C-alpha atoms as a PDB file:
ATOM      1  CA  MET A   1       0.117   0.211   0.200  1.00  0.00           C
ATOM      2  CA  GLU A   2       2.502   2.381   1.305  1.00  0.00           C
ATOM      3  CA  ASN A   3       4.450   1.757  -2.246  1.00  0.00           C
ATOM      4  CA  LYS A   4       1.288   2.343  -4.335  1.00  0.00           C
ATOM      5  CA  GLU A   5       0.798   5.422  -2.264  1.00  0.00           C
ATOM      6  CA  MET A   6       4.709   6.874  -3.527  1.00  0.00           C
ATOM      7  CA  SER A   7       4.074   6.197  -6.753  1.00  0.00           C
ATOM      8  CA  LYS A   8       1.010   8.226  -6.684  1.00  0.00           C
ATOM      9  CA  ARG A   9       2.265  10.969  -5.376  1.00  0.00           C
ATOM     10  CA  GLN A  10       5.569  10.805  -7.844  1.00  0.00           C
ATOM     11  CA  VAL A  11       2.878  10.515 -10.282  1.00  0.00           C
ATOM     12  CA  ARG A  12       1.218  13.466  -9.298  1.00  0.00           C
ATOM     13  CA  LYS A  13       4.646  15.245  -8.659  1.00  0.00           C
ATOM     14  CA  GLU A  14       5.538  14.465 -12.613  1.00  0.00           C
ATOM     15  CA  GLN A  15       2.090  15.582 -13.725  1.00  0.00           C
ATOM     16  CA  ILE A  16       2.965  18.975 -11.658  1.00  0.00           C
ATOM     17  CA  ARG A  17       6.489  19.581 -13.420  1.00  0.00           C
ATOM     18  CA  ARG A  18       5.352  19.058 -16.837  1.00  0.00           C
ATOM     19  CA  LYS A  19       2.587  21.139 -16.802  1.00  0.00           C
ATOM     20  CA  GLU A  20       4.742  23.910 -14.962  1.00  0.00           C
ATOM     21  CA  ARG A  21       7.444  23.071 -17.752  1.00  0.00           C
ATOM     22  CA  GLN A  22       4.442  23.496 -20.375  1.00  0.00           C
ATOM     23  CA  SER A  23       3.927  27.050 -18.841  1.00  0.00           C
ATOM     24  CA  ARG A  24       7.108  28.109 -18.460  1.00  0.00           C
ATOM     25  CA  LEU A  25       7.773  27.253 -22.281  1.00  0.00           C
ATOM     26  CA  ILE A  26       4.755  28.604 -23.320  1.00  0.00           C
ATOM     27  CA  GLY A  27       5.502  32.016 -21.511  1.00  0.00           C
ATOM     28  CA  ILE A  28       8.686  32.205 -22.894  1.00  0.00           C
ATOM     29  CA  ALA A  29       6.950  31.443 -26.266  1.00  0.00           C
ATOM     30  CA  LEU A  30       4.430  34.151 -26.150  1.00  0.00           C
ATOM     31  CA  ILE A  31       7.391  36.819 -24.803  1.00  0.00           C
ATOM     32  CA  SER A  32       9.551  35.749 -27.635  1.00  0.00           C
ATOM     33  CA  LEU A  33       6.646  36.642 -30.096  1.00  0.00           C
ATOM     34  CA  GLY A  34       6.135  39.681 -28.389  1.00  0.00           C
ATOM     35  CA  ALA A  35       9.547  40.766 -28.681  1.00  0.00           C
ATOM     36  CA  LEU A  36       9.681  39.694 -31.981  1.00  0.00           C
ATOM     37  CA  PHE A  37       6.411  41.667 -33.223  1.00  0.00           C
ATOM     38  CA  VAL A  38       7.560  44.773 -31.153  1.00  0.00           C
ATOM     39  CA  ALA A  39      10.973  44.546 -33.755  1.00  0.00           C
ATOM     40  CA  PHE A  40       9.155  44.029 -36.076  1.00  0.00           C
ATOM     41  CA  LEU A  41       6.976  47.348 -35.706  1.00  0.00           C
ATOM     42  CA  ILE A  42      10.460  49.419 -35.154  1.00  0.00           C
ATOM     43  CA  ILE A  43      12.256  48.135 -38.162  1.00  0.00           C
ATOM     44  CA  TYR A  44       9.267  48.008 -40.571  1.00  0.00           C
ATOM     45  CA  PRO A  45       9.164  51.741 -41.040  1.00  0.00           C
ATOM     46  CA  ASN A  46      12.962  51.627 -42.300  1.00  0.00           C
ATOM     47  CA  ILE A  47      12.277  48.720 -44.709  1.00  0.00           C
ATOM     48  CA  LYS A  48       8.972  49.105 -46.027  1.00  0.00           C
ATOM     49  CA  PRO A  49       8.754  50.219 -49.706  1.00  0.00           C
ATOM     50  CA  VAL A  50       8.513  53.819 -50.264  1.00  0.00           C
ATOM     51  CA  ASP A  51       6.810  55.467 -53.242  1.00  0.00           C
ATOM     52  CA  ALA A  52       8.873  57.868 -55.536  1.00  0.00           C
ATOM     53  CA  VAL A  53       8.688  61.492 -55.029  1.00  0.00           C
ATOM     54  CA  VAL A  54       6.586  63.961 -57.369  1.00  0.00           C
ATOM     55  CA  THR A  55       9.167  66.425 -59.011  1.00  0.00           C
ATOM     56  CA  ALA A  56       7.722  70.024 -58.637  1.00  0.00           C
ATOM     57  CA  PRO A  57       7.462  71.973 -61.137  1.00  0.00           C
ATOM     58  CA  GLU A  58      10.228  74.991 -61.835  1.00  0.00           C
ATOM     59  CA  ALA A  59       9.150  78.214 -60.031  1.00  0.00           C
ATOM     60  CA  SER A  60      11.056  81.718 -59.866  1.00  0.00           C
ATOM     61  CA  ARG A  61      10.998  83.768 -56.709  1.00  0.00           C
ATOM     62  CA  PRO A  62      12.737  87.143 -57.048  1.00  0.00           C
ATOM     63  CA  ASP A  63      15.846  87.859 -54.962  1.00  0.00           C
ATOM     64  CA  ALA A  64      14.951  84.632 -52.962  1.00  0.00           C
ATOM     65  CA  ASP A  65      16.836  84.183 -49.507  1.00  0.00           C
ATOM     66  CA  PHE A  66      15.959  81.585 -47.092  1.00  0.00           C
ATOM     67  CA  ASN A  67      12.261  81.531 -46.667  1.00  0.00           C
ATOM     68  CA  ALA A  68      11.801  85.181 -48.013  1.00  0.00           C
ATOM     69  CA  ALA A  69      11.564  86.811 -51.703  1.00  0.00           C
ATOM     70  CA  GLY A  70      11.765  90.117 -52.850  1.00  0.00           C
ATOM     71  CA  ASP A  71      13.190  93.469 -51.617  1.00  0.00           C
ATOM     72  CA  PRO A  72      13.717  93.618 -48.032  1.00  0.00           C
ATOM     73  CA  GLU A  73      13.069  97.208 -48.247  1.00  0.00           C
ATOM     74  CA  ALA A  74       9.991  97.009 -49.678  1.00  0.00           C
ATOM     75  CA  LEU A  75       7.132  99.400 -48.685  1.00  0.00           C
ATOM     76  CA  ILE A  76       4.758  96.125 -47.695  1.00  0.00           C
ATOM     77  CA  THR A  77       5.867  92.781 -46.453  1.00  0.00           C
ATOM     78  CA  ILE A  78       3.630  89.604 -46.623  1.00  0.00           C
ATOM     79  CA  THR A  79       4.287  87.118 -44.634  1.00  0.00           C
ATOM     80  CA  GLU A  80       2.250  83.809 -45.302  1.00  0.00           C
ATOM     81  CA  TYR A  81       1.462  81.351 -42.571  1.00  0.00           C
ATOM     82  CA  SER A  82       1.066  78.154 -43.871  1.00  0.00           C
ATOM     83  CA  ASP A  83       0.999  73.948 -43.109  1.00  0.00           C
ATOM     84  CA  PHE A  84       2.482  71.708 -46.047  1.00  0.00           C
ATOM     85  CA  GLN A  85      -0.227  69.444 -45.035  1.00  0.00           C
ATOM     86  CA  CYS A  86      -3.058  71.999 -45.627  1.00  0.00           C
ATOM     87  CA  PRO A  87      -4.748  71.559 -48.764  1.00  0.00           C
ATOM     88  CA  TYR A  88      -5.508  75.104 -49.544  1.00  0.00           C
ATOM     89  CA  CYS A  89      -2.301  76.183 -48.924  1.00  0.00           C
ATOM     90  CA  ARG A  90      -1.774  73.662 -51.779  1.00  0.00           C
ATOM     91  CA  ILE A  91      -4.323  75.811 -53.917  1.00  0.00           C
ATOM     92  CA  PHE A  92      -2.568  79.352 -52.805  1.00  0.00           C
ATOM     93  CA  TYR A  93       0.914  78.052 -54.000  1.00  0.00           C
ATOM     94  CA  GLU A  94      -0.805  76.185 -57.459  1.00  0.00           C
ATOM     95  CA  ARG A  95      -3.221  78.946 -58.349  1.00  0.00           C
ATOM     96  CA  THR A  96      -2.218  82.229 -56.838  1.00  0.00           C
ATOM     97  CA  GLU A  97       1.600  82.632 -55.690  1.00  0.00           C
ATOM     98  CA  THR A  98       3.056  82.964 -59.158  1.00  0.00           C
ATOM     99  CA  ALA A  99       0.995  85.893 -60.284  1.00  0.00           C
ATOM    100  CA  LEU A 100       1.781  87.625 -56.719  1.00  0.00           C
ATOM    101  CA  MET A 101       5.284  87.091 -56.998  1.00  0.00           C
ATOM    102  CA  GLU A 102       5.162  88.513 -60.509  1.00  0.00           C
ATOM    103  CA  GLN A 103       2.915  91.515 -59.837  1.00  0.00           C
ATOM    104  CA  TYR A 104       4.065  92.753 -56.482  1.00  0.00           C
ATOM    105  CA  VAL A 105       7.289  90.754 -55.393  1.00  0.00           C
ATOM    106  CA  GLU A 106       9.154  91.251 -58.751  1.00  0.00           C
ATOM    107  CA  THR A 107       7.807  95.085 -59.228  1.00  0.00           C
ATOM    108  CA  GLY A 108       9.229  95.850 -56.018  1.00  0.00           C
ATOM    109  CA  LYS A 109       6.389  96.441 -54.371  1.00  0.00           C
ATOM    110  CA  ALA A 110       6.211  93.885 -51.371  1.00  0.00           C
ATOM    111  CA  TYR A 111       8.682  91.275 -49.849  1.00  0.00           C
ATOM    112  CA  PHE A 112       7.230  87.945 -49.183  1.00  0.00           C
ATOM    113  CA  VAL A 113       7.741  85.800 -46.329  1.00  0.00           C
ATOM    114  CA  TYR A 114       6.741  81.878 -45.936  1.00  0.00           C
ATOM    115  CA  LYS A 115       6.164  80.706 -41.993  1.00  0.00           C
ATOM    116  CA  SER A 116       4.554  77.609 -40.974  1.00  0.00           C
ATOM    117  CA  VAL A 117       2.292  77.237 -38.163  1.00  0.00           C
ATOM    118  CA  GLY A 118       4.409  74.744 -36.348  1.00  0.00           C
ATOM    119  CA  GLY A 119       2.553  71.551 -35.557  1.00  0.00           C
ATOM    120  CA  PHE A 120      -0.933  72.966 -36.285  1.00  0.00           C
ATOM    121  CA  ILE A 121      -2.317  70.081 -38.360  1.00  0.00           C
ATOM    122  CA  GLY A 122       0.124  67.254 -37.047  1.00  0.00           C
ATOM    123  CA  PRO A 123       3.739  65.903 -36.427  1.00  0.00           C
ATOM    124  CA  GLU A 124       4.721  65.754 -39.847  1.00  0.00           C
ATOM    125  CA  SER A 125       3.872  69.537 -40.558  1.00  0.00           C
ATOM    126  CA  ARG A 126       6.191  70.046 -38.031  1.00  0.00           C
ATOM    127  CA  ASP A 127       8.582  67.994 -39.690  1.00  0.00           C
ATOM    128  CA  ALA A 128       7.810  69.199 -43.386  1.00  0.00           C
ATOM    129  CA  ALA A 129       8.765  72.965 -41.743  1.00  0.00           C
ATOM    130  CA  GLU A 130      12.048  71.653 -40.609  1.00  0.00           C
ATOM    131  CA  ALA A 131      13.053  69.961 -43.307  1.00  0.00           C
ATOM    132  CA  SER A 132      12.187  73.371 -45.753  1.00  0.00           C
ATOM    133  CA  TYR A 133      14.259  75.273 -43.157  1.00  0.00           C
ATOM    134  CA  CYS A 134      17.501  72.712 -43.626  1.00  0.00           C
ATOM    135  CA  ALA A 135      16.843  73.157 -47.077  1.00  0.00           C
ATOM    136  CA  GLY A 136      17.142  76.544 -46.819  1.00  0.00           C
ATOM    137  CA  ASP A 137      20.711  76.326 -45.691  1.00  0.00           C
ATOM    138  CA  GLN A 138      21.861  74.883 -48.742  1.00  0.00           C
ATOM    139  CA  GLY A 139      20.121  77.882 -50.544  1.00  0.00           C
ATOM    140  CA  LYS A 140      16.969  75.763 -51.604  1.00  0.00           C
ATOM    141  CA  PHE A 141      14.334  76.445 -49.316  1.00  0.00           C
ATOM    142  CA  TRP A 142      12.225  77.365 -51.860  1.00  0.00           C
ATOM    143  CA  GLU A 143      12.879  74.023 -53.844  1.00  0.00           C
ATOM    144  CA  MET A 144      11.810  72.460 -51.013  1.00  0.00           C
ATOM    145  CA  HIS A 145       8.948  74.164 -50.527  1.00  0.00           C
ATOM    146  CA  ASP A 146       7.576  73.163 -53.949  1.00  0.00           C
ATOM    147  CA  ILE A 147       8.333  69.542 -53.613  1.00  0.00           C
ATOM    148  CA  LEU A 148       6.851  69.297 -50.228  1.00  0.00           C
ATOM    149  CA  PHE A 149       3.580  70.682 -51.989  1.00  0.00           C
ATOM    150  CA  ALA A 150       3.631  68.943 -54.583  1.00  0.00           C
ATOM    151  CA  ASN A 151       3.937  65.358 -52.599  1.00  0.00           C
ATOM    152  CA  GLN A 152       1.216  66.646 -50.199  1.00  0.00           C
ATOM    153  CA  THR A 153      -1.240  63.335 -50.185  1.00  0.00           C
ATOM    154  CA  GLY A 154      -3.174  64.209 -46.806  1.00  0.00           C
ATOM    155  CA  GLU A 155      -2.762  64.922 -43.237  1.00  0.00           C
ATOM    156  CA  ASN A 156      -0.594  62.533 -41.044  1.00  0.00           C
ATOM    157  CA  VAL A 157      -0.860  59.380 -43.140  1.00  0.00           C
ATOM    158  CA  GLY A 158       3.071  59.271 -44.300  1.00  0.00           C
ATOM    159  CA  ALA A 159       3.457  61.501 -47.435  1.00  0.00           C
ATOM    160  CA  TYR A 160       6.221  63.729 -45.095  1.00  0.00           C
ATOM    161  CA  ASP A 161       7.912  60.738 -42.868  1.00  0.00           C
ATOM    162  CA  THR A 162      11.491  60.813 -42.514  1.00  0.00           C
ATOM    163  CA  ARG A 163      12.560  58.721 -45.535  1.00  0.00           C
ATOM    164  CA  ARG A 164       9.986  60.485 -47.694  1.00  0.00           C
ATOM    165  CA  LEU A 165      11.656  63.395 -46.935  1.00  0.00           C
ATOM    166  CA  GLU A 166      15.193  62.261 -47.396  1.00  0.00           C
ATOM    167  CA  LEU A 167      14.518  61.423 -50.836  1.00  0.00           C
ATOM    168  CA  MET A 168      13.340  64.936 -51.744  1.00  0.00           C
ATOM    169  CA  ALA A 169      16.101  65.945 -50.203  1.00  0.00           C
ATOM    170  CA  ASP A 170      17.961  63.978 -52.666  1.00  0.00           C
ATOM    171  CA  GLU A 171      15.730  64.923 -55.394  1.00  0.00           C
ATOM    172  CA  ILE A 172      16.557  68.734 -55.447  1.00  0.00           C
ATOM    173  CA  GLY A 173      20.178  68.226 -55.072  1.00  0.00           C
ATOM    174  CA  LEU A 174      20.840  68.871 -51.122  1.00  0.00           C
ATOM    175  CA  ASP A 175      24.092  67.780 -49.677  1.00  0.00           C
ATOM    176  CA  ARG A 176      22.532  64.766 -47.329  1.00  0.00           C
ATOM    177  CA  SER A 177      25.246  64.406 -44.843  1.00  0.00           C
ATOM    178  CA  LEU A 178      24.883  68.246 -44.200  1.00  0.00           C
ATOM    179  CA  TYR A 179      20.654  68.016 -44.660  1.00  0.00           C
ATOM    180  CA  ASP A 180      20.752  64.956 -41.926  1.00  0.00           C
ATOM    181  CA  ASP A 181      22.855  66.480 -39.519  1.00  0.00           C
ATOM    182  CA  CYS A 182      20.224  69.203 -39.422  1.00  0.00           C
ATOM    183  CA  MET A 183      17.127  67.365 -39.265  1.00  0.00           C
ATOM    184  CA  SER A 184      18.869  64.891 -36.496  1.00  0.00           C
ATOM    185  CA  SER A 185      20.044  67.673 -34.398  1.00  0.00           C
ATOM    186  CA  GLY A 186      16.566  69.706 -34.728  1.00  0.00           C
ATOM    187  CA  LYS A 187      18.286  72.564 -35.429  1.00  0.00           C
ATOM    188  CA  TYR A 188      15.292  74.657 -36.644  1.00  0.00           C
ATOM    189  CA  SER A 189      12.864  73.461 -33.897  1.00  0.00           C
ATOM    190  CA  ASP A 190      12.469  76.419 -31.935  1.00  0.00           C
ATOM    191  CA  LEU A 191      12.299  78.501 -34.962  1.00  0.00           C
ATOM    192  CA  VAL A 192       9.310  76.331 -36.342  1.00  0.00           C
ATOM    193  CA  GLU A 193       7.947  76.937 -33.152  1.00  0.00           C
ATOM    194  CA  GLN A 194       8.825  80.543 -32.997  1.00  0.00           C
ATOM    195  CA  ASP A 195       6.418  81.071 -36.299  1.00  0.00           C
ATOM    196  CA  ALA A 196       3.453  79.021 -34.484  1.00  0.00           C
ATOM    197  CA  LYS A 197       3.994  81.893 -31.924  1.00  0.00           C
ATOM    198  CA  ASP A 198       3.805  84.817 -33.975  1.00  0.00           C
ATOM    199  CA  ALA A 199       0.906  83.502 -35.875  1.00  0.00           C
ATOM    200  CA  THR A 200      -0.975  83.466 -32.652  1.00  0.00           C
ATOM    201  CA  ALA A 201       0.317  86.767 -31.938  1.00  0.00           C
ATOM    202  CA  ALA A 202      -1.176  87.962 -35.291  1.00  0.00           C
ATOM    203  CA  GLY A 203      -4.452  86.674 -34.760  1.00  0.00           C
ATOM    204  CA  ILE A 204      -3.731  84.095 -37.456  1.00  0.00           C
ATOM    205  CA  GLN A 205      -6.613  81.599 -36.660  1.00  0.00           C
ATOM    206  CA  ALA A 206      -6.140  79.574 -39.885  1.00  0.00           C
ATOM    207  CA  THR A 207      -3.939  78.383 -42.924  1.00  0.00           C
ATOM    208  CA  PRO A 208      -3.293  79.710 -45.099  1.00  0.00           C
ATOM    209  CA  SER A 209      -3.179  83.652 -44.033  1.00  0.00           C
ATOM    210  CA  PHE A 210      -1.520  86.525 -44.913  1.00  0.00           C
ATOM    211  CA  LEU A 211      -0.639  89.059 -43.076  1.00  0.00           C
ATOM    212  CA  ILE A 212       0.529  92.450 -44.878  1.00  0.00           C
ATOM    213  CA  THR A 213       2.448  95.195 -42.891  1.00  0.00           C
ATOM    214  CA  TYR A 214       2.985  98.643 -43.739  1.00  0.00           C
ATOM    215  CA  GLU A 215       3.544 101.698 -42.162  1.00  0.00           C
ATOM    216  CA  VAL A 216       1.699 104.956 -42.622  1.00  0.00           C
ATOM    217  CA  ASN A 217       2.931 108.476 -40.776  1.00  0.00           C
ATOM    218  CA  GLY A 218       5.445 106.455 -39.286  1.00  0.00           C
ATOM    219  CA  GLU A 219       2.795 103.958 -37.770  1.00  0.00           C
ATOM    220  CA  THR A 220       2.473 100.310 -38.546  1.00  0.00           C
ATOM    221  CA  GLN A 221      -0.798  98.931 -40.147  1.00  0.00           C
ATOM    222  CA  THR A 222      -2.121  95.528 -40.986  1.00  0.00           C
ATOM    223  CA  ARG A 223      -4.203  93.883 -42.993  1.00  0.00           C
ATOM    224  CA  ILE A 224      -4.994  89.874 -42.944  1.00  0.00           C
ATOM    225  CA  ILE A 225      -6.090  87.807 -45.989  1.00  0.00           C
ATOM    226  CA  GLN A 226      -7.613  84.440 -44.980  1.00  0.00           C
ATOM    227  CA  GLY A 227      -8.063  81.405 -47.471  1.00  0.00           C
ATOM    228  CA  ALA A 228      -6.520  80.337 -50.290  1.00  0.00           C
ATOM    229  CA  GLN A 229      -7.646  83.696 -52.160  1.00  0.00           C
ATOM    230  CA  GLY A 230      -7.325  84.635 -56.000  1.00  0.00           C
ATOM    231  CA  ILE A 231      -4.858  87.185 -57.226  1.00  0.00           C
ATOM    232  CA  GLU A 232      -7.917  89.623 -57.295  1.00  0.00           C
ATOM    233  CA  VAL A 233      -8.251  89.532 -53.440  1.00  0.00           C
ATOM    234  CA  PHE A 234      -4.264  90.422 -52.977  1.00  0.00           C
ATOM    235  CA  ALA A 235      -4.177  93.194 -55.866  1.00  0.00           C
ATOM    236  CA  GLN A 236      -7.348  94.798 -53.758  1.00  0.00           C
ATOM    237  CA  GLU A 237      -5.865  95.214 -50.385  1.00  0.00           C
ATOM    238  CA  ILE A 238      -2.173  95.813 -51.813  1.00  0.00           C
ATOM    239  CA  GLU A 239      -3.534  98.652 -53.449  1.00  0.00           C
ATOM    240  CA  ALA A 240      -5.402  99.806 -50.799  1.00  0.00           C
ATOM    241  CA  ALA A 241      -2.134  99.891 -48.574  1.00  0.00           C
ATOM    242  CA  LEU A 242      -0.536 101.309 -51.316  1.00  0.00           C
ATOM    243  CA  ALA A 243      -3.056 104.140 -51.587  1.00  0.00           C
ATOM    244  CA  GLU A 244      -2.926 104.379 -47.749  1.00  0.00           C
ATOM    245  CA  MET A 245       0.744 105.149 -47.708  1.00  0.00           C
ATOM    246  CA  GLY A 246       0.203 108.242 -50.710  1.00  0.00           C
ATOM    247  CA  GLN A 247       1.818 105.659 -53.349  1.00  0.00           C
END
């Protein structure tokens, strides 16, 4: 009897040991699968195929200097507050900007400055803005500006993720080493943030918006144009400002 009881206890112990061993193996397998899944999530964005970028049409900006164009001594300054992910900002770029440059910037009547509104629409807005400034270090702010809008596909859908921004940098002929250093260091993160603060201080609530500033009798005057307006609206506001100045 005693031997039988011992045998039963041994069998039960062995069964318990087997279950514990199986549980440990299952636990290890689950942990391993979880680690592999996390690794996949980290690695996949860097190995997944990236669509080719669209080349932007050539555009001329007179006296381009970093994010500005025209004569900084012009009587009128037009500051665009924009977001590279904003579809209406793209519409302004495609339909109105060229005429504005030709009629008022090239003629010396207005000085034009482009500013972002930080991460107004989302993180890709901020990344794209920083990329444009990093391109500006190499004298190609406007080339990056144009190719960013040419490749706009939606809001925070990966159009301006790191790898696509790098492809755009290559497409416009940037020195990738200098560009990569600029982006990885966050060199222009503060400037992008300041752009957003400037927009708020100016009462900007939507993109694109345009702040027209000029002086009358030594006092700064402002006008704001909201939305992707046609050249007629800009002409009306600019001519009214020039008339105020007696021009």
